[in-house]
Amino acid sequence: MKAEKGPPVLANYLIGLREGLEAGLVVSILVAYLVKAGRRDRLVVVSGGVALAVAVSIAFGALLTYTSTSLLSDFRSQELFGGTMSALAVVFVTWMVFWMRRTARGMRAELDGRMASALQMGVLAVALTAFLAVAREGLETALFFWSAVQAAGSTTAPVVGFSLGILTAVVLAWLLYRRSVKLNLARFFTWTGAGLIVIAAGVLAYAVHDLQEGGAIGGLNALAFDVSNQISLGSWYGALLKGVFNFTPQTTVVQAVAWVAYLVPVMTIFFLGGRTRASQPSAPPAPVRNPAADEAQQSPAR
C-alpha cells in the first residue's frame, strides 16, 4: 500500500531558503574576512573551494538517486534504502537545527579564526576551509532534499520549490553582505528551524512507511485513519497539507506514533532550550589583571 503523494513546493522552498542562507552566510563571512585582511587575491581560491563543495553535494544527491533507482532492482530493497536514508536525513537535519541555534552567534568568530590560520598555512588550506564550511551544509541539504523528493513521489514541483528557495537565499545573503537589508538572523533561524522540524517529522513518518513496506517494521495494514474519501491531495488544501506536514490520507498507526513522538519532544526542547539559555544571566567579566602589579606583590620587599 503505497501512500498517495502530492507536490510539496512550500516545504522544499523552506529547505532551500534555510539551508541556502546558512551556506550563503558562511561564504559571506569568509569573503568579508579576506577583504578586511587585504587578501582579495585569495577570493578566487575561496570560490574554487565553494564550487567544489557544491559539485560534491550535487554528485551525492545524484548517487543517492542512482542507487535507489538503478542498483536496487527489487521493490523491497528500494523501500528499505529509501526509508533508511530518509531517517538518516531527519537525524542530520535535527542535529544541524540545534547546532545552528547554539552556535549562530559565535559562527563569525569561529570562521574568522579558521580563515586566519588557513592564510598562514597556504592556498590549499584556504580552499579546504571554504570547502569544508560549505560541504557540511551541502551534503546535509542534498540528503534532506532527496528524502523530500522521495516523499513527494515527483521531481518537478520539489525542484521548483527548492530552486526558488536557493535563489531567495542567494539574494538575501548578497543584500546582507552589502548591508542593504537588515534581518534578525536569530529570529529567522528560530522560526525556519521550527519549520524544518515540522517537515522532518513528516519525512520521518514517510521513512517509517517505507520501512514498513520493506518489511523492516510491521503494522502496515493497521491504519490510524483513512480519510482518502474526504481529502484529496489533488485539492489545494490537500496539497497544502502534503507540502507542509507530508500528510497522507492513509496513515498507519506506527507512522502517526512516530510523527507525534518526534515532533512534540523535539519542538519542546528546541523552544524551551533556547529560552532557558536566553534567560541565564551572563557571567560577570573577569577582572583585568596587571602583570606588573602581580609581580610586585609576589616579589619580596627589599
Protein backbone atom coordinates (compact mmCIF):
# COMPACT_ATOMS: atom_id res chain seq x y z
CA MET A 1 0.00 0.00 0.00
CA LYS A 2 1.92 2.98 -1.27
CA ALA A 3 0.98 6.32 0.18
CA GLU A 4 -0.63 8.80 -2.19
CA LYS A 5 1.67 11.66 -2.98
CA GLY A 6 1.47 15.31 -3.85
CA PRO A 7 3.71 18.28 -4.69
CA PRO A 8 5.32 19.80 -1.54
CA VAL A 9 6.56 23.03 -3.14
CA LEU A 10 6.35 25.02 0.09
CA ALA A 11 8.35 22.51 2.13
CA ASN A 12 11.15 22.37 -0.42
CA TYR A 13 11.17 26.16 -0.70
CA LEU A 14 11.77 26.36 3.04
CA ILE A 15 14.54 23.75 2.80
CA GLY A 16 16.26 25.69 0.02
CA LEU A 17 15.83 29.04 1.78
CA ARG A 18 17.06 27.89 5.17
CA GLU A 19 19.99 25.76 4.05
CA GLY A 20 20.93 28.14 1.23
CA LEU A 21 21.08 31.12 3.58
CA GLU A 22 23.22 29.17 6.05
CA ALA A 23 25.72 28.41 3.28
CA GLY A 24 25.47 31.95 1.93
CA LEU A 25 26.25 33.44 5.33
CA VAL A 26 29.26 31.15 5.68
CA VAL A 27 30.61 32.27 2.31
CA SER A 28 29.95 35.96 3.04
CA ILE A 29 31.78 35.71 6.37
CA LEU A 30 34.82 34.17 4.69
CA VAL A 31 34.78 36.78 1.91
CA ALA A 32 34.36 39.65 4.36
CA TYR A 33 37.33 38.46 6.39
CA LEU A 34 39.57 38.24 3.33
CA VAL A 35 38.54 41.73 2.19
CA LYS A 36 39.13 43.15 5.65
CA ALA A 37 42.51 41.43 5.87
CA GLY A 38 43.54 42.82 2.49
CA ARG A 39 43.80 39.37 0.92
CA ARG A 40 41.50 39.74 -2.08
CA ASP A 41 43.93 37.56 -4.00
CA ARG A 42 42.53 34.57 -2.08
CA LEU A 43 38.92 35.21 -3.13
CA VAL A 44 39.41 33.07 -6.22
CA VAL A 45 40.66 30.23 -4.04
CA VAL A 46 37.60 30.50 -1.79
CA SER A 47 35.36 30.49 -4.87
CA GLY A 48 37.05 27.30 -6.02
CA GLY A 49 36.50 25.62 -2.66
CA VAL A 50 32.85 26.66 -2.63
CA ALA A 51 32.31 25.46 -6.21
CA LEU A 52 33.87 22.09 -5.36
CA ALA A 53 31.62 21.74 -2.31
CA VAL A 54 28.53 22.46 -4.43
CA ALA A 55 29.67 19.92 -7.05
CA VAL A 56 30.25 17.24 -4.40
CA SER A 57 26.81 17.89 -2.90
CA ILE A 58 25.11 17.57 -6.30
CA ALA A 59 27.08 14.40 -7.02
CA PHE A 60 26.00 12.98 -3.66
CA GLY A 61 22.36 13.62 -4.49
CA ALA A 62 22.83 12.01 -7.91
CA LEU A 63 24.47 9.00 -6.28
CA LEU A 64 21.51 8.56 -3.94
CA THR A 65 19.11 8.73 -6.87
CA TYR A 66 21.15 6.29 -8.96
CA THR A 67 21.46 3.86 -6.07
CA SER A 68 17.74 3.87 -5.29
CA THR A 69 16.59 3.55 -8.91
CA SER A 70 19.30 1.52 -10.66
CA LEU A 71 21.39 -0.51 -8.25
CA LEU A 72 18.46 -1.73 -6.19
CA SER A 73 16.29 -3.73 -8.57
CA ASP A 74 13.64 -5.19 -6.27
CA PHE A 75 10.91 -3.16 -4.58
CA ARG A 76 11.73 -4.28 -1.05
CA SER A 77 15.38 -3.18 -1.27
CA GLN A 78 14.37 0.20 -2.69
CA GLU A 79 11.93 0.78 0.14
CA LEU A 80 14.47 -0.22 2.80
CA PHE A 81 17.12 2.03 1.25
CA GLY A 82 14.73 4.96 0.93
CA GLY A 83 13.44 4.57 4.47
CA THR A 84 16.92 4.31 5.95
CA MET A 85 18.22 7.35 4.07
CA SER A 86 15.15 9.39 4.99
CA ALA A 87 15.55 8.51 8.67
CA LEU A 88 19.23 9.45 8.45
CA ALA A 89 18.27 12.77 6.85
CA VAL A 90 15.98 13.51 9.80
CA VAL A 91 18.85 12.83 12.21
CA PHE A 92 21.22 15.17 10.36
CA VAL A 93 18.68 17.95 9.95
CA THR A 94 17.69 17.79 13.61
CA TRP A 95 21.32 17.98 14.65
CA MET A 96 22.01 20.91 12.31
CA VAL A 97 18.95 22.84 13.51
CA PHE A 98 20.09 22.61 17.12
CA TRP A 99 23.71 23.24 16.16
CA MET A 100 22.83 26.45 14.34
CA ARG A 101 20.63 27.58 17.23
CA ARG A 102 23.52 27.05 19.64
CA THR A 103 26.46 28.41 17.62
CA ALA A 104 24.95 31.08 15.35
CA ARG A 105 26.23 33.96 17.48
CA GLY A 106 29.81 32.70 17.55
CA MET A 107 29.93 31.48 13.96
CA ARG A 108 31.66 34.59 12.62
CA ALA A 109 34.44 34.45 15.21
CA GLU A 110 34.94 30.73 14.59
CA LEU A 111 35.14 31.11 10.79
CA ASP A 112 37.42 34.15 11.08
CA GLY A 113 39.78 32.13 13.25
CA ARG A 114 39.81 29.24 10.78
CA MET A 115 40.48 31.53 7.84
CA ALA A 116 43.27 33.36 9.71
CA SER A 117 45.00 30.05 10.37
CA ALA A 118 44.43 28.91 6.78
CA LEU A 119 46.01 32.08 5.37
CA GLN A 120 49.16 31.33 7.30
CA MET A 121 49.26 27.73 6.04
CA GLY A 122 48.81 28.44 2.33
CA VAL A 123 46.48 28.30 -0.66
CA LEU A 124 45.32 24.71 -0.18
CA ALA A 125 44.36 25.39 3.42
CA VAL A 126 42.24 28.36 2.34
CA ALA A 127 40.47 26.26 -0.31
CA LEU A 128 39.95 23.41 2.17
CA THR A 129 38.48 25.78 4.77
CA ALA A 130 35.93 27.10 2.27
CA PHE A 131 35.18 23.59 1.01
CA LEU A 132 34.55 22.09 4.45
CA ALA A 133 32.47 25.05 5.62
CA VAL A 134 30.09 24.74 2.64
CA ALA A 135 30.22 20.97 2.07
CA ARG A 136 28.77 20.28 5.52
CA GLU A 137 25.69 22.32 4.61
CA GLY A 138 25.58 20.97 1.06
CA LEU A 139 25.70 17.27 1.89
CA GLU A 140 23.04 17.62 4.56
CA THR A 141 20.85 19.63 2.17
CA ALA A 142 21.29 17.08 -0.62
CA LEU A 143 20.26 14.21 1.67
CA PHE A 144 17.25 16.03 3.09
CA PHE A 145 16.13 17.29 -0.33
CA TRP A 146 16.45 13.80 -1.81
CA SER A 147 14.31 12.42 1.02
CA ALA A 148 11.71 15.13 0.42
CA VAL A 149 11.63 14.26 -3.29
CA GLN A 150 11.13 10.60 -2.45
CA ALA A 151 8.25 11.51 -0.16
CA ALA A 152 6.73 13.70 -2.88
CA GLY A 153 6.90 10.96 -5.49
CA SER A 154 7.70 13.55 -8.17
CA THR A 155 10.63 15.72 -9.17
CA THR A 156 9.35 18.85 -10.90
CA ALA A 157 7.49 20.52 -8.04
CA PRO A 158 10.16 19.85 -5.37
CA VAL A 159 12.93 21.09 -7.69
CA VAL A 160 10.98 24.26 -8.44
CA GLY A 161 10.38 24.94 -4.75
CA PHE A 162 13.96 24.15 -3.79
CA SER A 163 15.42 26.27 -6.61
CA LEU A 164 13.27 29.25 -5.66
CA GLY A 165 14.39 28.87 -2.05
CA ILE A 166 18.06 28.76 -3.05
CA LEU A 167 17.62 31.79 -5.30
CA THR A 168 15.95 33.74 -2.49
CA ALA A 169 18.75 32.73 -0.10
CA VAL A 170 21.45 33.89 -2.53
CA VAL A 171 19.77 37.28 -2.95
CA LEU A 172 19.31 37.67 0.81
CA ALA A 173 22.91 36.68 1.53
CA TRP A 174 24.16 39.21 -1.03
CA LEU A 175 21.95 42.00 0.37
CA LEU A 176 23.08 41.19 3.91
CA TYR A 177 26.70 41.25 2.81
CA ARG A 178 26.18 44.63 1.16
CA ARG A 179 24.24 45.76 4.25
CA SER A 180 21.35 46.74 2.01
CA VAL A 181 18.84 44.98 4.25
CA LYS A 182 18.64 44.12 7.92
CA LEU A 183 17.45 40.72 9.04
CA ASN A 184 17.08 39.41 12.56
CA LEU A 185 19.03 36.21 11.95
CA ALA A 186 18.33 34.80 15.42
CA ARG A 187 14.59 35.07 14.83
CA PHE A 188 14.93 33.85 11.24
CA PHE A 189 16.82 30.69 12.20
CA THR A 190 14.47 30.08 15.12
CA TRP A 191 11.29 30.07 13.06
CA THR A 192 12.76 28.37 9.99
CA GLY A 193 14.28 25.81 12.33
CA ALA A 194 10.81 25.15 13.74
CA GLY A 195 9.52 24.79 10.19
CA LEU A 196 12.25 22.28 9.35
CA ILE A 197 11.36 20.27 12.46
CA VAL A 198 7.76 20.01 11.23
CA ILE A 199 8.98 18.95 7.77
CA ALA A 200 11.40 16.47 9.32
CA ALA A 201 8.54 14.90 11.28
CA GLY A 202 6.72 14.29 8.00
CA VAL A 203 9.86 12.85 6.39
CA LEU A 204 10.27 10.53 9.39
CA ALA A 205 6.68 9.33 9.02
CA TYR A 206 7.33 8.63 5.36
CA ALA A 207 10.57 6.82 6.26
CA VAL A 208 8.60 4.62 8.65
CA HIS A 209 6.11 3.84 5.86
CA ASP A 210 8.97 2.86 3.52
CA LEU A 211 10.45 0.60 6.19
CA GLN A 212 7.03 -0.95 6.71
CA GLU A 213 6.72 -1.69 3.00
CA GLY A 214 10.25 -3.08 3.04
CA GLY A 215 9.32 -5.47 5.82
CA ALA A 216 11.62 -4.00 8.47
CA ILE A 217 8.68 -2.68 10.55
CA GLY A 218 5.29 -4.32 10.93
CA GLY A 219 1.82 -2.84 11.14
CA LEU A 220 1.48 -1.82 7.51
CA ASN A 221 -2.22 -2.66 7.40
CA ALA A 222 -3.05 -1.15 10.80
CA LEU A 223 -4.35 2.30 9.89
CA ALA A 224 -4.66 5.13 12.38
CA PHE A 225 -7.10 6.82 9.98
CA ASP A 226 -8.20 6.72 6.35
CA VAL A 227 -9.64 9.98 5.00
CA SER A 228 -8.88 9.36 1.34
CA ASN A 229 -12.57 9.81 0.50
CA GLN A 230 -12.73 13.14 2.33
CA ILE A 231 -9.36 14.71 1.48
CA SER A 232 -7.81 14.55 -1.98
CA LEU A 233 -4.18 15.51 -2.47
CA GLY A 234 -5.24 16.99 -5.78
CA SER A 235 -7.15 19.74 -3.96
CA TRP A 236 -5.44 22.92 -2.82
CA TYR A 237 -5.90 22.11 0.87
CA GLY A 238 -4.73 18.53 0.35
CA ALA A 239 -1.62 19.76 -1.47
CA LEU A 240 -1.02 22.27 1.33
CA LEU A 241 -1.26 19.59 4.00
CA LYS A 242 1.06 17.38 1.98
CA GLY A 243 3.53 20.18 1.39
CA VAL A 244 3.77 21.35 4.99
CA PHE A 245 3.16 18.20 7.05
CA ASN A 246 3.78 15.45 4.45
CA PHE A 247 0.21 14.41 5.18
CA THR A 248 -1.11 11.18 3.69
CA PRO A 249 -4.84 10.32 3.71
CA GLN A 250 -4.00 6.74 4.70
CA THR A 251 -1.70 6.82 7.72
CA THR A 252 -0.66 3.77 9.70
CA VAL A 253 -0.61 3.68 13.47
CA VAL A 254 3.18 3.38 13.53
CA GLN A 255 3.53 6.42 11.23
CA ALA A 256 1.26 8.51 13.45
CA VAL A 257 3.10 7.46 16.60
CA ALA A 258 6.49 8.23 15.01
CA TRP A 259 5.28 11.68 13.86
CA VAL A 260 4.00 12.66 17.31
CA ALA A 261 6.91 11.05 19.20
CA TYR A 262 9.38 13.09 17.15
CA LEU A 263 7.57 16.41 16.76
CA VAL A 264 6.37 17.05 20.32
CA PRO A 265 9.60 16.47 22.30
CA VAL A 266 11.94 17.94 19.65
CA MET A 267 9.86 21.10 19.24
CA THR A 268 9.56 21.46 23.01
CA ILE A 269 13.30 21.13 23.56
CA PHE A 270 14.02 23.48 20.65
CA PHE A 271 11.98 26.35 22.08
CA LEU A 272 12.38 25.77 25.83
CA GLY A 273 16.11 25.11 25.48
CA GLY A 274 16.64 28.38 23.64
CA ARG A 275 14.51 30.27 26.18
CA THR A 276 16.49 28.78 29.07
CA ARG A 277 19.82 29.86 27.57
CA ALA A 278 18.46 33.32 26.85
CA SER A 279 17.25 33.76 30.45
CA GLN A 280 20.53 32.71 32.01
CA PRO A 281 22.48 35.73 33.26
CA SER A 282 25.73 36.25 31.52
CA ALA A 283 28.83 35.68 33.60
CA PRO A 284 30.48 38.80 35.00
CA PRO A 285 33.59 39.86 33.13
CA ALA A 286 36.84 38.59 34.52
CA PRO A 287 38.88 41.24 36.31
CA VAL A 288 41.67 42.74 34.26
CA ARG A 289 44.96 41.71 35.77
CA ASN A 290 48.07 43.83 35.76
CA PRO A 291 51.10 41.55 35.36
CA ALA A 292 53.45 44.21 36.67
CA ALA A 293 51.40 44.67 39.84
CA ASP A 294 51.16 40.90 40.36
CA GLU A 295 54.92 40.59 40.03
CA ALA A 296 55.46 43.38 42.50
CA GLN A 297 53.16 41.72 45.03
CA GLN A 298 54.92 38.38 44.65
CA SER A 299 58.45 39.86 44.93
CA PRO A 300 59.88 40.07 48.48
CA ALA A 301 60.28 43.52 49.93
CA ARG A 302 63.76 44.88 49.74
